[in-house]
N, C-alpha and C. Protein backbone atom coordinates (compact mmCIF):
# COMPACT_ATOMS: atom_id res chain seq x y z
N MET A 1 -1.17 -6.42 -1.78
CA MET A 1 -2.41 -5.81 -1.34
C MET A 1 -2.95 -4.90 -2.46
N PRO A 2 -4.23 -5.01 -2.74
CA PRO A 2 -4.81 -4.16 -3.78
C PRO A 2 -5.02 -2.72 -3.28
N ILE A 3 -5.13 -1.82 -4.23
CA ILE A 3 -5.41 -0.42 -3.94
C ILE A 3 -6.89 -0.18 -4.19
N TYR A 4 -7.57 0.40 -3.22
CA TYR A 4 -8.99 0.74 -3.35
C TYR A 4 -9.15 2.25 -3.39
N GLU A 5 -10.11 2.70 -4.16
CA GLU A 5 -10.37 4.13 -4.30
C GLU A 5 -11.65 4.47 -3.54
N TYR A 6 -11.60 5.56 -2.79
CA TYR A 6 -12.74 6.03 -2.00
C TYR A 6 -13.04 7.48 -2.31
N ARG A 7 -14.29 7.89 -2.05
CA ARG A 7 -14.70 9.28 -2.21
C ARG A 7 -15.38 9.72 -0.92
N CYS A 8 -14.91 10.84 -0.38
CA CYS A 8 -15.49 11.38 0.85
C CYS A 8 -16.90 11.89 0.55
N LYS A 9 -17.85 11.52 1.39
CA LYS A 9 -19.23 11.96 1.19
C LYS A 9 -19.44 13.42 1.58
N LYS A 10 -18.53 13.98 2.36
CA LYS A 10 -18.68 15.36 2.81
C LYS A 10 -18.03 16.35 1.83
N CYS A 11 -16.75 16.17 1.50
CA CYS A 11 -16.04 17.15 0.67
C CYS A 11 -15.78 16.66 -0.75
N THR A 12 -16.14 15.43 -1.07
CA THR A 12 -16.00 14.77 -2.38
C THR A 12 -14.55 14.48 -2.79
N LYS A 13 -13.60 14.59 -1.88
CA LYS A 13 -12.20 14.26 -2.16
C LYS A 13 -12.10 12.77 -2.50
N VAL A 14 -11.40 12.44 -3.59
CA VAL A 14 -11.15 11.06 -3.97
C VAL A 14 -9.75 10.70 -3.49
N PHE A 15 -9.63 9.57 -2.80
CA PHE A 15 -8.33 9.14 -2.29
C PHE A 15 -8.22 7.62 -2.37
N GLU A 16 -7.00 7.11 -2.27
CA GLU A 16 -6.73 5.69 -2.39
C GLU A 16 -6.15 5.12 -1.11
N ARG A 17 -6.39 3.82 -0.89
CA ARG A 17 -5.84 3.12 0.27
C ARG A 17 -5.46 1.71 -0.11
N PHE A 18 -4.32 1.24 0.42
CA PHE A 18 -3.96 -0.17 0.31
C PHE A 18 -4.77 -0.90 1.37
N GLN A 19 -5.45 -1.98 0.97
CA GLN A 19 -6.23 -2.76 1.93
C GLN A 19 -6.21 -4.22 1.53
N ARG A 20 -6.36 -5.06 2.52
CA ARG A 20 -6.49 -6.49 2.24
C ARG A 20 -7.84 -6.73 1.57
N VAL A 21 -7.90 -7.79 0.76
CA VAL A 21 -9.15 -8.14 0.12
C VAL A 21 -10.19 -8.46 1.19
N GLY A 22 -11.36 -7.89 1.08
CA GLY A 22 -12.44 -8.11 2.03
C GLY A 22 -12.43 -7.20 3.24
N GLU A 23 -11.37 -6.41 3.40
CA GLU A 23 -11.30 -5.47 4.53
C GLU A 23 -12.23 -4.29 4.25
N GLY A 24 -12.99 -3.89 5.24
CA GLY A 24 -13.92 -2.79 5.07
C GLY A 24 -13.26 -1.43 5.23
N GLY A 25 -13.99 -0.40 4.86
CA GLY A 25 -13.46 0.95 4.94
C GLY A 25 -14.07 1.75 6.07
N GLU A 26 -14.54 1.08 7.11
CA GLU A 26 -15.22 1.75 8.22
C GLU A 26 -14.31 2.71 8.98
N ASP A 27 -13.02 2.43 9.03
CA ASP A 27 -12.09 3.24 9.81
C ASP A 27 -11.35 4.29 8.99
N LEU A 28 -11.74 4.47 7.74
CA LEU A 28 -11.06 5.45 6.89
C LEU A 28 -11.38 6.88 7.29
N VAL A 29 -10.37 7.72 7.18
CA VAL A 29 -10.54 9.14 7.48
C VAL A 29 -10.12 9.92 6.22
N CYS A 30 -10.95 10.85 5.79
CA CYS A 30 -10.65 11.66 4.62
C CYS A 30 -9.40 12.50 4.90
N PRO A 31 -8.42 12.47 3.99
CA PRO A 31 -7.20 13.24 4.20
C PRO A 31 -7.41 14.76 4.09
N ARG A 32 -8.50 15.18 3.50
CA ARG A 32 -8.76 16.62 3.34
C ARG A 32 -9.55 17.20 4.51
N CYS A 33 -10.67 16.57 4.88
CA CYS A 33 -11.54 17.18 5.89
C CYS A 33 -11.67 16.39 7.20
N GLY A 34 -11.14 15.15 7.23
CA GLY A 34 -11.19 14.36 8.45
C GLY A 34 -12.48 13.60 8.65
N GLU A 35 -13.40 13.68 7.71
CA GLU A 35 -14.68 12.97 7.81
C GLU A 35 -14.46 11.46 7.76
N ARG A 36 -15.30 10.72 8.46
CA ARG A 36 -15.18 9.27 8.50
C ARG A 36 -16.21 8.56 7.63
N LYS A 37 -16.83 9.28 6.71
CA LYS A 37 -17.82 8.67 5.82
C LYS A 37 -17.29 8.72 4.39
N ALA A 38 -16.85 7.57 3.91
CA ALA A 38 -16.33 7.48 2.55
C ALA A 38 -17.01 6.31 1.85
N GLU A 39 -17.20 6.45 0.55
CA GLU A 39 -17.79 5.38 -0.23
C GLU A 39 -16.76 4.80 -1.17
N LYS A 40 -16.77 3.47 -1.30
CA LYS A 40 -15.82 2.80 -2.19
C LYS A 40 -16.26 3.05 -3.63
N ARG A 41 -15.29 3.35 -4.47
CA ARG A 41 -15.58 3.61 -5.88
C ARG A 41 -14.99 2.50 -6.74
N ILE A 42 -15.52 2.35 -7.92
CA ILE A 42 -14.94 1.44 -8.89
C ILE A 42 -13.93 2.25 -9.67
N SER A 43 -12.67 1.83 -9.63
CA SER A 43 -11.63 2.62 -10.29
C SER A 43 -11.80 2.56 -11.80
N SER A 44 -11.38 3.61 -12.47
CA SER A 44 -11.50 3.66 -13.92
C SER A 44 -10.64 2.60 -14.59
N PHE A 45 -9.56 2.19 -13.96
CA PHE A 45 -8.69 1.16 -14.52
C PHE A 45 -9.42 -0.16 -14.65
N SER A 46 -10.22 -0.53 -13.66
CA SER A 46 -10.88 -1.82 -13.68
C SER A 46 -12.24 -1.80 -14.36
N SER A 47 -12.80 -0.64 -14.61
CA SER A 47 -14.15 -0.60 -15.15
C SER A 47 -14.23 -0.22 -16.62
N LYS A 48 -13.12 0.17 -17.22
CA LYS A 48 -13.13 0.56 -18.63
C LYS A 48 -12.17 -0.29 -19.42
N GLY A 49 -12.33 -0.27 -20.72
CA GLY A 49 -11.43 -1.00 -21.59
C GLY A 49 -12.03 -2.31 -22.02
N SER A 50 -11.30 -2.98 -22.85
CA SER A 50 -11.74 -4.27 -23.34
C SER A 50 -10.57 -5.24 -23.31
N GLU A 51 -10.87 -6.46 -23.62
CA GLU A 51 -9.82 -7.48 -23.62
C GLU A 51 -8.73 -7.12 -24.62
N SER A 52 -9.11 -6.60 -25.77
CA SER A 52 -8.11 -6.28 -26.79
C SER A 52 -7.24 -5.09 -26.40
N SER A 53 -7.75 -4.18 -25.58
CA SER A 53 -6.95 -3.02 -25.20
C SER A 53 -5.98 -3.32 -24.07
N SER A 54 -6.07 -4.50 -23.47
CA SER A 54 -5.19 -4.83 -22.36
C SER A 54 -3.90 -5.50 -22.83
N TYR A 55 -3.76 -5.77 -24.10
CA TYR A 55 -2.56 -6.41 -24.62
C TYR A 55 -1.39 -5.44 -24.59
N CYS A 56 -0.27 -5.86 -24.06
CA CYS A 56 0.89 -4.98 -23.91
C CYS A 56 2.01 -5.33 -24.88
N GLY A 57 1.86 -6.36 -25.66
CA GLY A 57 2.91 -6.73 -26.60
C GLY A 57 3.76 -7.85 -26.04
N PRO A 58 4.74 -8.29 -26.81
CA PRO A 58 5.58 -9.41 -26.38
C PRO A 58 6.41 -9.06 -25.15
N ALA A 59 6.59 -10.03 -24.30
CA ALA A 59 7.34 -9.82 -23.07
C ALA A 59 8.83 -9.81 -23.33
N ARG A 60 9.54 -8.91 -22.68
CA ARG A 60 11.00 -8.85 -22.69
C ARG A 60 11.60 -8.78 -24.09
N GLY A 61 10.93 -8.09 -24.99
CA GLY A 61 11.49 -7.89 -26.31
C GLY A 61 11.40 -9.09 -27.22
N SER A 62 10.66 -10.09 -26.84
CA SER A 62 10.53 -11.29 -27.67
C SER A 62 9.86 -10.95 -28.99
N SER A 63 10.36 -11.54 -30.07
CA SER A 63 9.74 -11.32 -31.39
C SER A 63 8.96 -12.55 -31.83
N ARG A 64 8.69 -13.43 -30.90
CA ARG A 64 8.02 -14.69 -31.19
C ARG A 64 6.65 -14.49 -31.84
N PHE A 65 5.92 -13.46 -31.43
CA PHE A 65 4.55 -13.28 -31.92
C PHE A 65 4.44 -12.16 -32.95
N THR A 66 5.53 -11.64 -33.44
CA THR A 66 5.46 -10.55 -34.41
C THR A 66 5.67 -11.03 -35.81
């Protein structure tokens, strides 16, 4: 299940929730103030960076590509 990030419209608290793909956030409750109005945010992990910055190096210590 992916993690989605939400921001409370009342107190601006940012919080995360595990949700199924396509599941709405209508039933979310802010953990700080209890408000039921939250907006889905685009997480910084998925919205920044480039293809070249996502490279993590060879898997399991392999020296095949070095």
